[in-house]
C-alpha atoms as a PDB file:
ATOM      1  CA  UNK A   1      94.152 103.486 107.529  1.00  0.00           C
ATOM      2  CA  UNK A   2      90.705 104.769 106.566  1.00  0.00           C
ATOM      3  CA  UNK A   3      90.929 102.919 103.243  1.00  0.00           C
ATOM      4  CA  UNK A   4      91.675  99.665 105.079  1.00  0.00           C
ATOM      5  CA  UNK A   5      88.648 100.140 107.350  1.00  0.00           C
ATOM      6  CA  UNK A   6      86.409 100.880 104.375  1.00  0.00           C
ATOM      7  CA  UNK A   7      87.469  97.634 102.695  1.00  0.00           C
ATOM      8  CA  UNK A   8      86.628  95.507 105.723  1.00  0.00           C
ATOM      9  CA  UNK A   9      83.344  97.233 106.584  1.00  0.00           C
ATOM     10  CA  UNK A  10      81.728  96.826 103.165  1.00  0.00           C
ATOM     11  CA  UNK A  11      79.883  93.644 102.133  1.00  0.00           C
ATOM     12  CA  UNK A  12      81.812  91.323  99.841  1.00  0.00           C
ATOM     13  CA  UNK A  13      80.613  88.853  97.218  1.00  0.00           C
ATOM     14  CA  UNK A  14      82.745  86.096  95.812  1.00  0.00           C
ATOM     15  CA  UNK A  15      82.224  83.885  92.800  1.00  0.00           C
ATOM     16  CA  UNK A  16      84.089  80.600  92.927  1.00  0.00           C
ATOM     17  CA  UNK A  17      84.581  78.075  90.171  1.00  0.00           C
ATOM     18  CA  UNK A  18      83.413  74.541  91.073  1.00  0.00           C
ATOM     19  CA  UNK A  19      86.987  73.239  91.576  1.00  0.00           C
ATOM     20  CA  UNK A  20      87.827  75.991  94.063  1.00  0.00           C
ATOM     21  CA  UNK A  21      84.460  75.717  95.766  1.00  0.00           C
ATOM     22  CA  UNK A  22      85.082  72.005  96.484  1.00  0.00           C
ATOM     23  CA  UNK A  23      88.529  72.782  97.944  1.00  0.00           C
ATOM     24  CA  UNK A  24      87.096  75.597 100.075  1.00  0.00           C
ATOM     25  CA  UNK A  25      84.303  73.353 101.373  1.00  0.00           C
ATOM     26  CA  UNK A  26      86.814  70.599 102.218  1.00  0.00           C
ATOM     27  CA  UNK A  27      89.028  73.106 104.043  1.00  0.00           C
ATOM     28  CA  UNK A  28      86.020  74.478 105.923  1.00  0.00           C
ATOM     29  CA  UNK A  29      85.122  70.989 107.167  1.00  0.00           C
ATOM     30  CA  UNK A  30      88.680  70.428 108.407  1.00  0.00           C
ATOM     31  CA  UNK A  31      88.657  73.766 110.231  1.00  0.00           C
ATOM     32  CA  UNK A  32      85.275  73.036 111.834  1.00  0.00           C
ATOM     33  CA  UNK A  33      86.617  69.674 113.071  1.00  0.00           C
ATOM     34  CA  UNK A  34      89.725  71.406 114.453  1.00  0.00           C
ATOM     35  CA  UNK A  35      91.899  69.290 112.146  1.00  0.00           C
ATOM     36  CA  UNK A  36      93.378  72.274 110.331  1.00  0.00           C
ATOM     37  CA  UNK A  37      94.858  75.225 112.167  1.00  0.00           C
ATOM     38  CA  UNK A  38      96.898  78.176 110.939  1.00  0.00           C
ATOM     39  CA  UNK A  39     100.567  78.369 111.819  1.00  0.00           C
ATOM     40  CA  UNK A  40     101.379  81.863 113.054  1.00  0.00           C
ATOM     41  CA  UNK A  41     104.993  82.977 113.226  1.00  0.00           C
ATOM     42  CA  UNK A  42     104.331  86.328 114.896  1.00  0.00           C
ATOM     43  CA  UNK A  43     101.683  88.967 115.577  1.00  0.00           C
ATOM     44  CA  UNK A  44     102.734  92.579 115.030  1.00  0.00           C
ATOM     45  CA  UNK A  45     100.894  95.883 115.264  1.00  0.00           C
ATOM     46  CA  UNK A  46     100.205  97.967 112.161  1.00  0.00           C
ATOM     47  CA  UNK A  47     102.985 100.407 113.069  1.00  0.00           C
ATOM     48  CA  UNK A  48     105.463  97.495 112.825  1.00  0.00           C
ATOM     49  CA  UNK A  49     104.669  96.772 109.170  1.00  0.00           C
ATOM     50  CA  UNK A  50     108.255  97.595 108.104  1.00  0.00           C
ATOM     51  CA  UNK A  51     109.580  95.088 110.633  1.00  0.00           C
ATOM     52  CA  UNK A  52     107.137  92.494 109.288  1.00  0.00           C
ATOM     53  CA  UNK A  53     108.436  92.993 105.744  1.00  0.00           C
ATOM     54  CA  UNK A  54     112.036  92.772 106.921  1.00  0.00           C
ATOM     55  CA  UNK A  55     111.232  89.550 108.756  1.00  0.00           C
ATOM     56  CA  UNK A  56     109.710  88.066 105.581  1.00  0.00           C
ATOM     57  CA  UNK A  57     112.633  89.167 103.414  1.00  0.00           C
ATOM     58  CA  UNK A  58     115.143  87.544 105.783  1.00  0.00           C
ATOM     59  CA  UNK A  59     113.382  84.221 105.325  1.00  0.00           C
ATOM     60  CA  UNK A  60     113.077  81.494 107.876  1.00  0.00           C
ATOM     61  CA  UNK A  61     109.549  82.351 108.985  1.00  0.00           C
ATOM     62  CA  UNK A  62     107.614  79.381 110.284  1.00  0.00           C
ATOM     63  CA  UNK A  63     104.056  80.401 109.528  1.00  0.00           C
ATOM     64  CA  UNK A  64     102.208  83.584 108.745  1.00  0.00           C
ATOM     65  CA  UNK A  65     102.919  87.036 110.082  1.00  0.00           C
ATOM     66  CA  UNK A  66      99.732  88.639 111.368  1.00  0.00           C
ATOM     67  CA  UNK A  67      99.239  92.409 111.458  1.00  0.00           C
ATOM     68  CA  UNK A  68      96.874  93.678 114.170  1.00  0.00           C
ATOM     69  CA  UNK A  69      94.598  96.600 113.341  1.00  0.00           C
ATOM     70  CA  UNK A  70      93.104  98.342 116.350  1.00  0.00           C
ATOM     71  CA  UNK A  71      90.567 101.113 116.733  1.00  0.00           C
ATOM     72  CA  UNK A  72      91.921 104.337 118.211  1.00  0.00           C
END
């Protein structure tokens, strides 16, 4: 868990090629206009990661499975 925290707490830099940059900018505009929203199948806690994998392997998910990380 400490490794996960360290990855999210450090600054990140990304380099995008022009074709991906244009797609990202277009997606950003849609999100800002509330015209694009994520589809979430379920939200599970970190200790349910095995269940999340089983759910994916079974198929039939309708959206993304979100894992919640909480501070203790």
